[in-house]
């Protein structure tokens, strides 16, 4: 029984040593994913488009709000027979405004989420391509990294590669 335990311990020790020796030969690096995402020109361009769409939405929404306010302001000046009809119109305009706001907000959020997903996939592909090309065994995201030697930081290299290959670069 002691011989079996001793044999098992010897095998486990040998496997641990082999794995440790192999790990020393592995090539590791890390990237600051947030920095890459934020400084990638495609992200900046997408943000500009989203900002423009958001401003157009706000402008249209403000017009609708102003129209409701104007109608509410005129309500007190109307005859009783016209007030009822005008109030129905105001209520419809308010409901349309709420629906418009909900629809556009959802649309903009969906558009943003799709663009973020697209950009993150592109970054992942670029990092994977670089890892294979340069012989890295593992590349980590710095968010889960407690410490990393800056010599192993590929952030700037990945960012340069992405921006250089981006057709919309400025």
Protein backbone atom coordinates (compact mmCIF):
# COMPACT_ATOMS: atom_id res chain seq x y z
CA UNK A 1 0.00 0.00 0.00
CA UNK A 2 2.85 2.38 0.88
CA UNK A 3 4.55 1.51 -2.39
CA UNK A 4 1.41 2.44 -4.39
CA UNK A 5 1.09 5.78 -2.54
CA UNK A 6 4.77 6.46 -3.07
CA UNK A 7 4.43 5.62 -6.78
CA UNK A 8 1.38 7.91 -7.16
CA UNK A 9 3.18 10.75 -5.39
CA UNK A 10 6.21 10.26 -7.63
CA UNK A 11 4.04 10.35 -10.78
CA UNK A 12 2.19 13.48 -9.59
CA UNK A 13 5.50 15.16 -8.72
CA UNK A 14 6.96 14.27 -12.12
CA UNK A 15 3.90 15.59 -13.95
CA UNK A 16 3.98 18.81 -11.93
CA UNK A 17 7.65 19.31 -12.71
CA UNK A 18 7.06 18.61 -16.41
CA UNK A 19 4.18 21.08 -16.53
CA UNK A 20 6.27 23.66 -14.71
CA UNK A 21 9.16 23.23 -17.13
CA UNK A 22 6.82 23.47 -20.09
CA UNK A 23 5.18 26.62 -18.67
CA UNK A 24 8.57 28.33 -18.51
CA UNK A 25 8.94 27.83 -22.26
CA UNK A 26 5.54 29.35 -22.98
CA UNK A 27 5.22 32.89 -24.32
CA UNK A 28 2.74 35.13 -22.48
CA UNK A 29 1.52 38.70 -22.93
CA UNK A 30 -1.38 40.93 -21.98
CA UNK A 31 -3.41 43.78 -23.44
CA UNK A 32 -5.43 46.66 -21.99
CA UNK A 33 -8.69 45.91 -23.77
CA UNK A 34 -10.40 49.11 -22.61
CA UNK A 35 -7.55 51.27 -23.92
CA UNK A 36 -7.56 49.46 -27.25
CA UNK A 37 -11.33 49.81 -27.57
CA UNK A 38 -11.40 53.49 -26.58
CA UNK A 39 -8.47 54.52 -28.81
CA UNK A 40 -9.37 52.48 -31.89
CA UNK A 41 -10.40 54.87 -34.67
CA UNK A 42 -13.34 52.67 -35.59
CA UNK A 43 -14.72 53.13 -32.05
CA UNK A 44 -14.31 56.90 -32.33
CA UNK A 45 -16.06 56.92 -35.71
CA UNK A 46 -18.91 54.77 -34.39
CA UNK A 47 -19.27 57.08 -31.39
CA UNK A 48 -19.50 60.09 -33.73
CA UNK A 49 -22.25 58.41 -35.77
CA UNK A 50 -24.16 57.45 -32.62
CA UNK A 51 -23.77 60.99 -31.27
CA UNK A 52 -25.13 62.44 -34.53
CA UNK A 53 -28.09 60.02 -34.47
CA UNK A 54 -28.75 60.84 -30.82
CA UNK A 55 -28.72 64.58 -31.53
CA UNK A 56 -31.16 64.11 -34.43
CA UNK A 57 -33.43 62.12 -32.11
CA UNK A 58 -33.23 64.82 -29.43
CA UNK A 59 -34.04 67.53 -31.98
CA UNK A 60 -37.10 65.65 -33.25
CA UNK A 61 -38.19 64.86 -29.68
CA UNK A 62 -37.85 68.51 -28.66
CA UNK A 63 -40.08 69.54 -31.58
CA UNK A 64 -42.73 67.08 -30.43
CA UNK A 65 -42.53 68.37 -26.84
CA UNK A 66 -42.84 71.97 -28.04
CA UNK A 67 -45.90 71.08 -30.09
CA UNK A 68 -47.56 69.54 -26.99
CA UNK A 69 -46.68 72.58 -24.87
CA UNK A 70 -48.09 74.97 -27.48
CA UNK A 71 -51.34 73.02 -27.62
CA UNK A 72 -51.56 72.97 -23.81
CA UNK A 73 -50.96 76.73 -23.71
CA UNK A 74 -53.78 77.39 -26.16
CA UNK A 75 -56.16 75.07 -24.32
CA UNK A 76 -57.19 77.69 -21.76
CA UNK A 77 -58.09 80.15 -24.52
CA UNK A 78 -60.51 77.80 -26.30
CA UNK A 79 -64.26 77.53 -25.92
CA UNK A 80 -65.53 74.62 -23.85
CA UNK A 81 -66.76 72.81 -26.96
CA UNK A 82 -63.28 72.93 -28.53
CA UNK A 83 -61.37 72.07 -25.33
CA UNK A 84 -62.53 68.45 -25.36
CA UNK A 85 -61.33 67.84 -28.92
CA UNK A 86 -58.03 69.66 -28.29
CA UNK A 87 -57.43 67.67 -25.08
CA UNK A 88 -57.92 64.42 -27.02
CA UNK A 89 -55.34 65.67 -29.57
CA UNK A 90 -52.90 66.59 -26.78
CA UNK A 91 -53.30 63.16 -25.16
CA UNK A 92 -52.62 61.50 -28.52
CA UNK A 93 -49.53 63.67 -29.05
CA UNK A 94 -48.26 62.74 -25.57
CA UNK A 95 -48.80 59.03 -26.28
CA UNK A 96 -47.01 59.41 -29.64
CA UNK A 97 -44.14 61.18 -27.88
CA UNK A 98 -43.80 58.41 -25.29
CA UNK A 99 -43.85 55.74 -28.02
CA UNK A 100 -41.37 57.67 -30.18
CA UNK A 101 -39.03 58.13 -27.22
CA UNK A 102 -39.21 54.44 -26.30
CA UNK A 103 -38.68 53.27 -29.89
CA UNK A 104 -35.75 55.60 -30.63
CA UNK A 105 -34.03 54.93 -27.31
CA UNK A 106 -34.28 51.18 -27.93
CA UNK A 107 -33.04 51.63 -31.51
CA UNK A 108 -30.02 53.68 -30.42
CA UNK A 109 -29.13 51.20 -27.65
CA UNK A 110 -29.38 48.30 -30.09
CA UNK A 111 -27.26 50.14 -32.64
CA UNK A 112 -24.62 50.89 -29.97
CA UNK A 113 -24.59 47.30 -28.68
CA UNK A 114 -24.16 45.87 -32.18
CA UNK A 115 -21.27 48.23 -32.92
CA UNK A 116 -19.55 47.43 -29.61
CA UNK A 117 -19.90 43.70 -30.26
CA UNK A 118 -18.54 44.12 -33.82
CA UNK A 119 -15.53 46.12 -32.62
CA UNK A 120 -14.73 43.72 -29.76
CA UNK A 121 -14.83 40.77 -32.17
CA UNK A 122 -12.49 42.61 -34.51
CA UNK A 123 -10.08 43.32 -31.66
CA UNK A 124 -10.22 39.66 -30.58
CA UNK A 125 -9.45 38.49 -34.14
CA UNK A 126 -6.55 40.92 -34.39
CA UNK A 127 -5.09 39.76 -31.06
CA UNK A 128 -5.50 36.09 -32.05
CA UNK A 129 -3.84 36.72 -35.41
CA UNK A 130 -0.94 38.50 -33.71
CA UNK A 131 -0.61 35.71 -31.13
CA UNK A 132 -0.37 33.05 -33.82
CA UNK A 133 1.99 35.09 -35.98
CA UNK A 134 4.37 35.92 -33.13
CA UNK A 135 4.15 32.59 -31.31
CA UNK A 136 2.32 33.60 -28.14
CA UNK A 137 0.75 30.77 -26.18
CA UNK A 138 -1.54 33.04 -24.16
CA UNK A 139 -2.55 36.70 -24.21
CA UNK A 140 -4.49 37.93 -21.20
CA UNK A 141 -6.87 40.83 -20.69
CA UNK A 142 -5.42 43.20 -18.09
CA UNK A 143 -8.73 43.32 -16.17
CA UNK A 144 -8.01 39.95 -14.56
CA UNK A 145 -4.29 40.58 -14.27
CA UNK A 146 -2.90 41.47 -10.87
CA UNK A 147 0.57 42.23 -12.21
CA UNK A 148 2.18 42.18 -15.60
CA UNK A 149 5.65 43.24 -16.66
CA UNK A 150 5.26 46.12 -19.12
CA UNK A 151 7.57 44.28 -21.49
CA UNK A 152 4.70 41.80 -21.94
CA UNK A 153 2.13 44.53 -22.69
CA UNK A 154 1.00 44.35 -26.33
CA UNK A 155 -1.64 47.08 -26.06
CA UNK A 156 0.13 49.68 -28.21
CA UNK A 157 1.16 47.09 -30.78
CA UNK A 158 -2.41 45.80 -31.15
CA UNK A 159 -3.82 49.34 -31.24
CA UNK A 160 -1.36 50.36 -33.95
CA UNK A 161 -2.17 47.26 -35.98
CA UNK A 162 -5.91 47.92 -35.75
CA UNK A 163 -5.67 51.61 -36.59
CA UNK A 164 -3.21 51.00 -39.45
CA UNK A 165 -5.52 48.45 -41.04
CA UNK A 166 -8.72 50.48 -40.49
CA UNK A 167 -9.90 51.83 -43.85
CA UNK A 168 -11.54 54.89 -42.27
CA UNK A 169 -8.36 56.07 -40.52
CA UNK A 170 -7.73 59.78 -40.40
